[in-house]
């Protein structure tokens, strides 16, 4: 058996056998490649994750906001149902319609309606928007009492 260089081993009666590396050089090469890949990955910084506490705090604030506004919106729905003779869902649709057409948050519209029960009536633009929302509701909804 003769060795031409460190890679080719030949026996007297065999064809040359090509060996890339011996076991130790493979292990060293694998380790070097692993460390090189790890170093490359460390240079690319992933986007900073949102801390769990911040996400939970945001969710908690949204829940508190919902709990605070839900009763006011429910009262405003009742007022709209009484004024317009409409269903619970239709009353909410009216409030959403008014919000869209006035660029006022639904919660604010609801609060103004609730405040108008014991105080001054809603402003002219809000009354007009409510009137228009009721008209749009009447044109899109067929009610049993108006069906011919």
N, C-alpha and C. Protein backbone atom coordinates (compact mmCIF):
# COMPACT_ATOMS: atom_id res chain seq x y z
N UNK A 1 0.86 -1.16 0.00
CA UNK A 1 0.00 0.00 0.00
C UNK A 1 0.91 1.22 0.00
N UNK A 2 0.61 2.15 -0.90
CA UNK A 2 1.40 3.37 -1.00
C UNK A 2 0.49 4.58 -0.95
N UNK A 3 1.04 5.66 -0.48
CA UNK A 3 0.29 6.90 -0.39
C UNK A 3 1.00 7.93 -1.23
N UNK A 4 0.26 8.46 -2.22
CA UNK A 4 0.86 9.49 -3.07
C UNK A 4 0.88 10.84 -2.37
N UNK A 5 -0.23 11.22 -1.87
CA UNK A 5 -0.30 12.41 -1.03
C UNK A 5 -1.21 12.05 0.13
N UNK A 6 -1.67 12.95 0.85
CA UNK A 6 -2.46 12.66 2.03
C UNK A 6 -3.88 12.21 1.67
N UNK A 7 -4.25 12.28 0.40
CA UNK A 7 -5.63 11.99 0.03
C UNK A 7 -5.80 10.66 -0.69
N UNK A 8 -4.82 10.18 -1.36
CA UNK A 8 -5.00 8.98 -2.18
C UNK A 8 -4.20 7.83 -1.59
N UNK A 9 -4.91 6.73 -1.37
CA UNK A 9 -4.26 5.53 -0.83
C UNK A 9 -4.41 4.44 -1.89
N UNK A 10 -3.33 3.79 -2.22
CA UNK A 10 -3.41 2.71 -3.20
C UNK A 10 -2.80 1.45 -2.63
N UNK A 11 -3.43 0.38 -2.94
CA UNK A 11 -2.86 -0.92 -2.60
C UNK A 11 -2.17 -1.44 -3.85
N UNK A 12 -1.35 -2.45 -3.69
CA UNK A 12 -0.60 -2.94 -4.83
C UNK A 12 -1.49 -3.46 -5.94
N UNK A 13 -2.62 -4.13 -5.59
CA UNK A 13 -3.46 -4.71 -6.63
C UNK A 13 -4.83 -4.01 -6.73
N UNK A 14 -4.99 -2.86 -6.12
CA UNK A 14 -6.28 -2.16 -6.15
C UNK A 14 -6.14 -0.82 -6.84
N UNK A 15 -7.32 -0.33 -7.27
CA UNK A 15 -7.37 1.02 -7.84
C UNK A 15 -7.24 2.02 -6.70
N UNK A 16 -6.82 3.21 -7.00
CA UNK A 16 -6.69 4.22 -5.94
C UNK A 16 -8.04 4.53 -5.27
N UNK A 17 -8.03 4.71 -3.97
CA UNK A 17 -9.22 5.07 -3.20
C UNK A 17 -9.03 6.52 -2.77
N UNK A 18 -10.03 7.36 -3.09
CA UNK A 18 -9.90 8.78 -2.78
C UNK A 18 -10.60 9.05 -1.46
N UNK A 19 -9.85 9.59 -0.49
CA UNK A 19 -10.42 9.99 0.81
C UNK A 19 -10.24 11.48 0.96
N UNK A 20 -11.35 12.18 1.19
CA UNK A 20 -11.29 13.63 1.34
C UNK A 20 -10.56 14.01 2.63
N UNK A 21 -11.03 13.48 3.75
CA UNK A 21 -10.45 13.82 5.03
C UNK A 21 -10.51 12.59 5.93
N UNK A 22 -9.65 12.56 6.89
CA UNK A 22 -9.78 11.49 7.87
C UNK A 22 -10.82 11.93 8.91
N UNK A 23 -11.16 11.07 9.85
CA UNK A 23 -12.22 11.35 10.83
C UNK A 23 -11.95 12.61 11.64
N UNK A 24 -10.72 12.82 12.04
CA UNK A 24 -10.41 14.00 12.85
C UNK A 24 -10.60 15.29 12.05
N UNK A 25 -10.20 15.26 10.80
CA UNK A 25 -10.35 16.49 10.01
C UNK A 25 -11.82 16.76 9.72
N UNK A 26 -12.65 15.73 9.56
CA UNK A 26 -14.09 15.93 9.38
C UNK A 26 -14.67 16.59 10.63
N UNK A 27 -14.33 16.12 11.79
CA UNK A 27 -14.87 16.70 13.01
C UNK A 27 -14.43 18.15 13.16
N UNK A 28 -13.20 18.43 12.84
CA UNK A 28 -12.71 19.80 12.93
C UNK A 28 -13.42 20.68 11.91
N UNK A 29 -13.63 20.15 10.71
CA UNK A 29 -14.31 20.91 9.67
C UNK A 29 -15.77 21.18 10.06
N UNK A 30 -16.45 20.17 10.59
CA UNK A 30 -17.84 20.35 11.01
C UNK A 30 -17.94 21.40 12.10
N UNK A 31 -17.05 21.33 13.07
CA UNK A 31 -17.06 22.30 14.16
C UNK A 31 -16.80 23.71 13.64
N UNK A 32 -15.86 23.84 12.71
CA UNK A 32 -15.55 25.16 12.15
C UNK A 32 -16.74 25.71 11.38
N UNK A 33 -17.39 24.85 10.59
CA UNK A 33 -18.56 25.30 9.83
C UNK A 33 -19.70 25.69 10.77
N UNK A 34 -19.89 24.93 11.83
CA UNK A 34 -20.93 25.24 12.80
C UNK A 34 -20.68 26.61 13.43
N UNK A 35 -19.45 26.84 13.87
CA UNK A 35 -19.12 28.11 14.51
C UNK A 35 -19.22 29.28 13.53
N UNK A 36 -18.84 29.05 12.28
CA UNK A 36 -18.95 30.10 11.27
C UNK A 36 -20.42 30.44 11.02
N UNK A 37 -21.25 29.41 10.91
CA UNK A 37 -22.68 29.65 10.71
C UNK A 37 -23.30 30.35 11.91
N UNK A 38 -22.93 29.94 13.08
CA UNK A 38 -23.45 30.57 14.30
C UNK A 38 -23.04 32.03 14.37
N UNK A 39 -21.81 32.33 14.03
CA UNK A 39 -21.34 33.72 14.04
C UNK A 39 -22.08 34.55 13.01
N UNK A 40 -22.34 33.97 11.84
CA UNK A 40 -23.08 34.69 10.80
C UNK A 40 -24.50 34.98 11.25
N UNK A 41 -25.13 34.01 11.90
CA UNK A 41 -26.49 34.21 12.38
C UNK A 41 -26.56 35.27 13.47
N UNK A 42 -25.54 35.33 14.29
CA UNK A 42 -25.52 36.32 15.37
C UNK A 42 -25.37 37.74 14.85
N UNK A 43 -24.77 37.90 13.66
CA UNK A 43 -24.62 39.24 13.11
C UNK A 43 -25.93 39.78 12.56
N UNK A 44 -26.83 38.91 12.19
CA UNK A 44 -28.14 39.32 11.70
C UNK A 44 -29.08 39.33 12.89
N UNK A 45 -29.45 40.52 13.32
CA UNK A 45 -30.30 40.63 14.50
C UNK A 45 -31.76 40.47 14.12
N UNK A 46 -32.46 39.57 14.78
CA UNK A 46 -33.89 39.43 14.51
C UNK A 46 -34.63 40.64 15.07
N UNK A 47 -35.86 40.91 14.55
CA UNK A 47 -36.61 42.02 15.11
C UNK A 47 -36.86 41.78 16.60
N UNK A 48 -36.79 42.85 17.34
CA UNK A 48 -36.96 42.73 18.78
C UNK A 48 -38.38 42.28 19.09
N UNK A 49 -38.54 41.21 19.86
CA UNK A 49 -39.88 40.75 20.19
C UNK A 49 -40.56 41.71 21.16
N UNK A 50 -41.88 41.79 21.03
CA UNK A 50 -42.64 42.64 21.94
C UNK A 50 -42.64 41.94 23.30
N UNK A 51 -42.23 42.65 24.32
CA UNK A 51 -42.22 42.02 25.64
C UNK A 51 -43.62 41.55 26.02
N UNK A 52 -43.68 40.44 26.66
CA UNK A 52 -44.97 39.86 27.05
C UNK A 52 -45.74 40.82 27.93
N UNK A 53 -45.05 41.50 28.84
CA UNK A 53 -45.73 42.42 29.75
C UNK A 53 -46.42 43.54 28.99
N UNK A 54 -45.76 44.06 27.96
CA UNK A 54 -46.34 45.15 27.17
C UNK A 54 -47.57 44.68 26.41
N UNK A 55 -47.49 43.49 25.84
CA UNK A 55 -48.63 42.95 25.11
C UNK A 55 -49.81 42.70 26.05
N UNK A 56 -49.51 42.16 27.23
CA UNK A 56 -50.58 41.92 28.20
C UNK A 56 -51.18 43.23 28.70
N UNK A 57 -50.34 44.23 28.89
CA UNK A 57 -50.84 45.54 29.33
C UNK A 57 -51.75 46.16 28.28
N UNK A 58 -51.37 46.04 27.01
CA UNK A 58 -52.20 46.57 25.92
C UNK A 58 -53.55 45.84 25.87
N UNK A 59 -53.52 44.53 26.02
CA UNK A 59 -54.77 43.77 26.02
C UNK A 59 -55.64 44.14 27.22
N UNK A 60 -55.03 44.31 28.37
CA UNK A 60 -55.77 44.70 29.56
C UNK A 60 -56.41 46.08 29.38
N UNK A 61 -55.68 47.01 28.79
CA UNK A 61 -56.24 48.34 28.52
C UNK A 61 -57.42 48.27 27.57
N UNK A 62 -57.33 47.40 26.55
CA UNK A 62 -58.45 47.24 25.62
C UNK A 62 -59.67 46.66 26.34
N UNK A 63 -59.44 45.71 27.22
CA UNK A 63 -60.56 45.13 27.97
C UNK A 63 -61.20 46.16 28.89
N UNK A 64 -60.38 46.97 29.57
CA UNK A 64 -60.93 48.02 30.42
C UNK A 64 -61.73 49.01 29.60
N UNK A 65 -61.21 49.37 28.45
CA UNK A 65 -61.92 50.31 27.57
C UNK A 65 -63.28 49.73 27.16
N UNK A 66 -63.29 48.45 26.83
CA UNK A 66 -64.55 47.79 26.44
C UNK A 66 -65.52 47.78 27.61
N UNK A 67 -65.03 47.45 28.79
CA UNK A 67 -65.92 47.42 29.97
C UNK A 67 -66.47 48.80 30.31
N UNK A 68 -65.66 49.83 30.08
CA UNK A 68 -66.12 51.19 30.37
C UNK A 68 -67.14 51.69 29.34
N UNK A 69 -66.97 51.33 28.08
CA UNK A 69 -67.83 51.88 27.03
C UNK A 69 -69.07 51.04 26.75
N UNK A 70 -69.05 49.78 27.08
CA UNK A 70 -70.18 48.91 26.76
C UNK A 70 -71.49 49.39 27.38
N UNK A 71 -71.53 49.77 28.66
CA UNK A 71 -72.81 50.22 29.22
C UNK A 71 -73.34 51.48 28.54
N UNK A 72 -72.46 52.41 28.20
CA UNK A 72 -72.89 53.65 27.55
C UNK A 72 -73.45 53.34 26.16
N UNK A 73 -72.78 52.48 25.43
CA UNK A 73 -73.26 52.12 24.10
C UNK A 73 -74.59 51.37 24.22
N UNK A 74 -74.74 50.52 25.24
CA UNK A 74 -76.01 49.81 25.45
C UNK A 74 -77.15 50.78 25.73
N UNK A 75 -76.88 51.79 26.56
CA UNK A 75 -77.90 52.79 26.83
C UNK A 75 -78.26 53.58 25.57
N UNK A 76 -77.24 53.94 24.79
CA UNK A 76 -77.50 54.67 23.54
C UNK A 76 -78.30 53.81 22.58
N UNK A 77 -78.04 52.53 22.53
CA UNK A 77 -78.84 51.63 21.69
C UNK A 77 -80.30 51.67 22.11
N UNK A 78 -80.53 51.64 23.40
CA UNK A 78 -81.90 51.68 23.91
C UNK A 78 -82.58 52.99 23.53
N UNK A 79 -81.86 54.08 23.61
CA UNK A 79 -82.41 55.38 23.21
C UNK A 79 -82.77 55.36 21.72
N UNK A 80 -81.87 54.85 20.90
CA UNK A 80 -82.11 54.79 19.46
C UNK A 80 -83.28 53.86 19.16
N UNK A 81 -83.38 52.75 19.88
CA UNK A 81 -84.52 51.83 19.68
C UNK A 81 -85.83 52.54 19.99
N UNK A 82 -85.83 53.32 21.05
CA UNK A 82 -87.04 54.05 21.46
C UNK A 82 -87.38 55.13 20.44
N UNK A 83 -86.39 55.88 20.01
CA UNK A 83 -86.62 56.97 19.06
C UNK A 83 -87.05 56.46 17.69
N UNK A 84 -86.41 55.39 17.25
CA UNK A 84 -86.64 54.93 15.87
C UNK A 84 -87.54 53.74 15.74
N UNK A 85 -87.98 53.16 16.85
CA UNK A 85 -88.82 51.97 16.76
C UNK A 85 -88.13 50.85 16.01
N UNK A 86 -86.87 50.64 16.32
CA UNK A 86 -86.11 49.62 15.60
C UNK A 86 -85.61 48.55 16.57
N UNK A 87 -85.02 47.52 16.02
CA UNK A 87 -84.51 46.41 16.82
C UNK A 87 -83.16 46.78 17.44
N UNK A 88 -82.71 45.91 18.29
CA UNK A 88 -81.42 46.09 18.95
C UNK A 88 -80.29 46.18 17.92
N UNK A 89 -80.29 45.27 16.96
CA UNK A 89 -79.25 45.26 15.93
C UNK A 89 -79.34 46.48 15.02
N UNK A 90 -80.55 46.87 14.68
CA UNK A 90 -80.74 48.04 13.84
C UNK A 90 -80.27 49.31 14.56
N UNK A 91 -80.51 49.38 15.86
CA UNK A 91 -80.06 50.53 16.64
C UNK A 91 -78.54 50.64 16.61
N UNK A 92 -77.87 49.52 16.72
CA UNK A 92 -76.41 49.55 16.64
C UNK A 92 -75.97 49.97 15.25
N UNK A 93 -76.67 49.49 14.23
CA UNK A 93 -76.37 49.86 12.86
C UNK A 93 -76.51 51.38 12.68
N UNK A 94 -77.54 51.98 13.29
CA UNK A 94 -77.74 53.42 13.23
C UNK A 94 -76.56 54.15 13.88
N UNK A 95 -76.14 53.69 15.06
CA UNK A 95 -75.01 54.32 15.74
C UNK A 95 -73.73 54.24 14.91
N UNK A 96 -73.49 53.10 14.31
CA UNK A 96 -72.31 52.94 13.46
C UNK A 96 -72.40 53.85 12.25
N UNK A 97 -73.58 53.94 11.66
CA UNK A 97 -73.81 54.80 10.50
C UNK A 97 -73.52 56.26 10.86
N UNK A 98 -74.02 56.71 11.99
CA UNK A 98 -73.78 58.08 12.43
C UNK A 98 -72.28 58.30 12.65
N UNK A 99 -71.61 57.35 13.24
CA UNK A 99 -70.17 57.45 13.48
C UNK A 99 -69.41 57.60 12.16
N UNK A 100 -69.79 56.81 11.18
CA UNK A 100 -69.11 56.86 9.88
C UNK A 100 -69.32 58.21 9.19
N UNK A 101 -70.54 58.72 9.27
CA UNK A 101 -70.86 59.95 8.53
C UNK A 101 -70.43 61.22 9.25
N UNK A 102 -70.13 61.14 10.52
CA UNK A 102 -69.71 62.33 11.26
C UNK A 102 -68.25 62.30 11.66
N UNK A 103 -67.58 61.17 11.46
CA UNK A 103 -66.18 60.99 11.90
C UNK A 103 -66.03 61.22 13.40
N UNK A 104 -67.04 60.80 14.15
CA UNK A 104 -67.00 60.85 15.61
C UNK A 104 -67.01 59.41 16.08
N UNK A 105 -66.19 59.11 17.08
CA UNK A 105 -66.14 57.75 17.60
C UNK A 105 -67.50 57.31 18.11
N UNK A 106 -67.79 56.05 17.93
CA UNK A 106 -69.07 55.48 18.37
C UNK A 106 -69.29 55.73 19.86
N UNK A 107 -68.25 55.57 20.65
CA UNK A 107 -68.36 55.78 22.09
C UNK A 107 -68.78 57.21 22.41
N UNK A 108 -68.22 58.17 21.67
CA UNK A 108 -68.54 59.59 21.89
C UNK A 108 -69.99 59.89 21.50
N UNK A 109 -70.44 59.32 20.40
CA UNK A 109 -71.84 59.51 19.99
C UNK A 109 -72.77 58.94 21.05
N UNK A 110 -72.43 57.74 21.53
CA UNK A 110 -73.25 57.10 22.56
C UNK A 110 -73.30 57.97 23.80
N UNK A 111 -72.16 58.51 24.22
CA UNK A 111 -72.12 59.35 25.41
C UNK A 111 -72.97 60.61 25.22
N UNK A 112 -72.91 61.22 24.05
CA UNK A 112 -73.71 62.42 23.79
C UNK A 112 -75.21 62.11 23.85
N UNK A 113 -75.59 60.95 23.32
CA UNK A 113 -77.01 60.58 23.37
C UNK A 113 -77.46 60.34 24.80
N UNK A 114 -76.65 59.64 25.57
CA UNK A 114 -77.00 59.36 26.96
C UNK A 114 -77.05 60.67 27.75
N UNK A 115 -76.12 61.56 27.52
CA UNK A 115 -76.11 62.85 28.22
C UNK A 115 -77.32 63.69 27.86
N UNK A 116 -77.86 63.50 26.67
CA UNK A 116 -79.01 64.31 26.24
C UNK A 116 -80.30 63.91 26.94
N UNK A 117 -80.33 62.79 27.63
CA UNK A 117 -81.53 62.37 28.34
C UNK A 117 -81.84 63.35 29.46
N UNK A 118 -80.84 63.73 30.24
CA UNK A 118 -81.05 64.66 31.36
C UNK A 118 -80.50 66.05 31.07
N UNK A 119 -79.93 66.26 29.92
CA UNK A 119 -79.32 67.54 29.62
C UNK A 119 -79.84 68.10 28.32
N UNK A 120 -79.06 68.98 27.73
CA UNK A 120 -79.48 69.56 26.45
C UNK A 120 -79.48 68.51 25.34
N UNK A 121 -80.31 68.72 24.33
CA UNK A 121 -80.35 67.75 23.23
C UNK A 121 -79.02 67.72 22.48
N UNK A 122 -78.78 66.67 21.72
CA UNK A 122 -77.54 66.61 20.93
C UNK A 122 -77.47 67.79 19.97
N UNK A 123 -76.27 68.09 19.53
CA UNK A 123 -76.06 69.21 18.61
C UNK A 123 -76.81 68.98 17.31
N UNK A 124 -77.00 70.08 16.58
CA UNK A 124 -77.70 70.01 15.30
C UNK A 124 -77.10 69.00 14.33
N UNK A 125 -75.77 69.02 14.13
CA UNK A 125 -75.17 68.06 13.19
C UNK A 125 -75.39 66.60 13.63
N UNK A 126 -75.35 66.35 14.93
CA UNK A 126 -75.58 64.98 15.40
C UNK A 126 -77.03 64.57 15.19
N UNK A 127 -77.96 65.49 15.45
CA UNK A 127 -79.39 65.19 15.21
C UNK A 127 -79.63 64.92 13.73
N UNK A 128 -79.02 65.74 12.88
CA UNK A 128 -79.16 65.55 11.43
C UNK A 128 -78.60 64.19 11.02
N UNK A 129 -77.44 63.84 11.54
CA UNK A 129 -76.83 62.55 11.21
C UNK A 129 -77.70 61.40 11.69
N UNK A 130 -78.31 61.53 12.87
CA UNK A 130 -79.23 60.49 13.37
C UNK A 130 -80.44 60.37 12.45
N UNK A 131 -81.02 61.51 12.07
CA UNK A 131 -82.19 61.52 11.19
C UNK A 131 -81.84 60.82 9.86
N UNK A 132 -80.69 61.18 9.28
CA UNK A 132 -80.27 60.57 8.01
C UNK A 132 -80.00 59.08 8.17
N UNK A 133 -79.45 58.68 9.30
CA UNK A 133 -79.19 57.25 9.54
C UNK A 133 -80.51 56.49 9.64
N UNK A 134 -81.52 57.08 10.30
CA UNK A 134 -82.84 56.43 10.38
C UNK A 134 -83.44 56.30 8.98
N UNK A 135 -83.29 57.33 8.14
CA UNK A 135 -83.82 57.26 6.77
C UNK A 135 -83.11 56.16 5.98
N UNK A 136 -81.80 56.06 6.10
CA UNK A 136 -81.06 55.00 5.40
C UNK A 136 -81.48 53.63 5.91
N UNK A 137 -81.74 53.53 7.20
CA UNK A 137 -82.18 52.26 7.77
C UNK A 137 -83.54 51.88 7.20
N UNK A 138 -84.45 52.84 7.08
CA UNK A 138 -85.77 52.55 6.54
C UNK A 138 -85.72 52.11 5.09
N UNK A 139 -84.78 52.61 4.32
CA UNK A 139 -84.70 52.22 2.91
C UNK A 139 -84.04 50.87 2.72
N UNK A 140 -83.25 50.43 3.68
CA UNK A 140 -82.56 49.14 3.54
C UNK A 140 -83.25 48.01 4.28
N UNK A 141 -84.20 48.34 5.16
CA UNK A 141 -84.84 47.32 6.00
C UNK A 141 -86.32 47.26 5.69
N UNK A 142 -86.81 46.07 5.46
CA UNK A 142 -88.24 45.87 5.30
C UNK A 142 -88.77 45.34 6.61
N UNK A 143 -89.66 46.11 7.20
CA UNK A 143 -90.22 45.70 8.48
C UNK A 143 -91.59 45.09 8.25
N UNK A 144 -91.99 44.17 9.12
CA UNK A 144 -93.29 43.50 8.95
C UNK A 144 -94.47 44.49 8.94
N UNK A 145 -94.39 45.57 9.74
CA UNK A 145 -95.52 46.50 9.82
C UNK A 145 -95.62 47.41 8.59
N UNK A 146 -94.53 47.49 7.76
CA UNK A 146 -94.59 48.34 6.58
C UNK A 146 -94.67 47.53 5.30
N UNK A 147 -94.56 46.21 5.40
CA UNK A 147 -94.63 45.38 4.21
C UNK A 147 -96.07 45.36 3.70
N UNK A 148 -96.24 45.46 2.40
CA UNK A 148 -97.55 45.59 1.81
C UNK A 148 -98.12 44.32 1.47
